[in-house]
């Protein structure tokens, strides 16, 4: 007898089901605007910065190395970190381009 009553109470109709999905849809919309969209914007800015690298730019790598760009290839960049010392890093590992004149010792 109780099972019949439970089934009778469970029929809310189509409008009740859609209203139950509304909080989940709103969570995805908020997640998109607070996390995904800003991350995509930063990735686009980083890609533009990597493509605009030129010889002589002063940069900081993701590992914290600071140097001046001496050679640029398709996938790699050679950085002069001291007199007669060059290292080769991948282009995406360059995190920041410093203002000109920041490195005076090189």
Protein backbone atom coordinates (compact mmCIF):
# COMPACT_ATOMS: atom_id res chain seq x y z
CA UNK A 1 0.00 0.00 0.00
CA UNK A 2 2.82 2.44 0.74
CA UNK A 3 4.56 1.70 -2.55
CA UNK A 4 1.53 2.87 -4.49
CA UNK A 5 1.55 6.14 -2.57
CA UNK A 6 5.28 6.64 -3.23
CA UNK A 7 4.76 6.25 -6.97
CA UNK A 8 1.89 8.68 -6.88
CA UNK A 9 4.01 11.32 -5.15
CA UNK A 10 6.94 10.84 -7.54
CA UNK A 11 5.14 12.06 -10.64
CA UNK A 12 6.17 15.72 -10.78
CA UNK A 13 5.83 16.18 -14.51
CA UNK A 14 8.29 17.55 -17.06
CA UNK A 15 8.59 21.03 -15.53
CA UNK A 16 9.82 19.64 -12.20
CA UNK A 17 12.58 17.63 -13.87
CA UNK A 18 13.92 20.61 -15.82
CA UNK A 19 13.86 22.81 -12.72
CA UNK A 20 16.06 20.23 -10.98
CA UNK A 21 18.75 20.55 -13.69
CA UNK A 22 18.89 24.34 -13.44
CA UNK A 23 21.45 24.48 -10.57
CA UNK A 24 23.81 22.12 -12.43
CA UNK A 25 23.58 24.19 -15.62
CA UNK A 26 24.22 27.39 -13.63
CA UNK A 27 27.30 25.80 -12.00
CA UNK A 28 28.78 25.02 -15.43
CA UNK A 29 28.10 28.57 -16.64
CA UNK A 30 29.81 30.06 -13.58
CA UNK A 31 32.71 27.62 -13.94
CA UNK A 32 33.17 28.67 -17.57
CA UNK A 33 33.28 32.40 -16.80
CA UNK A 34 35.43 32.14 -13.66
CA UNK A 35 37.97 29.49 -14.68
CA UNK A 36 37.96 28.34 -18.30
CA UNK A 37 37.60 31.68 -20.09
CA UNK A 38 40.40 33.51 -18.18
CA UNK A 39 42.71 30.53 -18.65
CA UNK A 40 42.09 30.56 -22.40
CA UNK A 41 42.80 34.30 -22.49
CA UNK A 42 46.14 33.83 -20.67
CA UNK A 43 47.12 31.00 -23.02
CA UNK A 44 46.39 33.21 -26.03
CA UNK A 45 48.49 36.06 -24.58
CA UNK A 46 51.38 33.67 -23.81
CA UNK A 47 51.30 32.28 -27.35
CA UNK A 48 51.41 35.81 -28.82
CA UNK A 49 54.35 36.68 -26.54
CA UNK A 50 56.26 33.54 -27.62
CA UNK A 51 55.69 34.32 -31.30
CA UNK A 52 56.89 37.92 -30.83
CA UNK A 53 60.27 36.95 -29.30
CA UNK A 54 63.22 38.66 -30.96
CA UNK A 55 66.97 38.44 -30.67
CA UNK A 56 68.13 40.67 -27.80
CA UNK A 57 64.96 40.33 -25.69
CA UNK A 58 65.56 39.76 -21.99
CA UNK A 59 63.43 36.90 -20.68
CA UNK A 60 62.67 34.74 -17.64
CA UNK A 61 62.10 31.01 -18.15
CA UNK A 62 59.70 28.81 -16.21
CA UNK A 63 62.67 27.45 -14.24
CA UNK A 64 63.65 30.94 -13.11
CA UNK A 65 66.64 31.38 -15.43
CA UNK A 66 67.14 34.95 -16.61
CA UNK A 67 68.92 35.66 -19.87
CA UNK A 68 69.08 37.48 -23.17
CA UNK A 69 67.85 35.80 -26.36
CA UNK A 70 70.82 35.16 -28.66
CA UNK A 71 69.33 32.73 -31.21
CA UNK A 72 65.76 31.83 -32.10
CA UNK A 73 64.67 28.61 -33.78
CA UNK A 74 61.28 27.11 -34.52
CA UNK A 75 61.08 25.17 -31.24
CA UNK A 76 64.09 26.32 -29.22
CA UNK A 77 65.62 29.58 -28.01
CA UNK A 78 69.25 30.09 -27.04
CA UNK A 79 69.70 32.33 -24.00
CA UNK A 80 72.91 34.02 -22.97
CA UNK A 81 72.94 33.79 -19.18
CA UNK A 82 76.53 35.01 -18.62
CA UNK A 83 79.59 35.94 -20.67
CA UNK A 84 80.33 33.02 -23.05
CA UNK A 85 77.56 30.90 -21.45
CA UNK A 86 74.52 29.96 -23.53
CA UNK A 87 71.70 27.59 -22.70
CA UNK A 88 69.03 26.25 -25.01
CA UNK A 89 65.42 26.12 -23.81
CA UNK A 90 62.14 25.33 -25.46
CA UNK A 91 60.16 28.34 -26.63
CA UNK A 92 57.08 27.64 -24.45
CA UNK A 93 59.28 27.64 -21.32
CA UNK A 94 59.79 31.40 -21.69
CA UNK A 95 57.36 32.88 -19.18
CA UNK A 96 58.07 36.60 -19.18
CA UNK A 97 59.75 39.19 -21.36
CA UNK A 98 61.53 41.76 -19.21
CA UNK A 99 61.82 45.47 -20.07
CA UNK A 100 64.92 46.42 -22.06
CA UNK A 101 67.94 47.21 -19.89
CA UNK A 102 66.93 45.00 -16.98
CA UNK A 103 70.02 42.81 -17.41
CA UNK A 104 73.04 45.08 -17.35
CA UNK A 105 75.69 42.49 -16.49
CA UNK A 106 75.46 40.56 -19.76
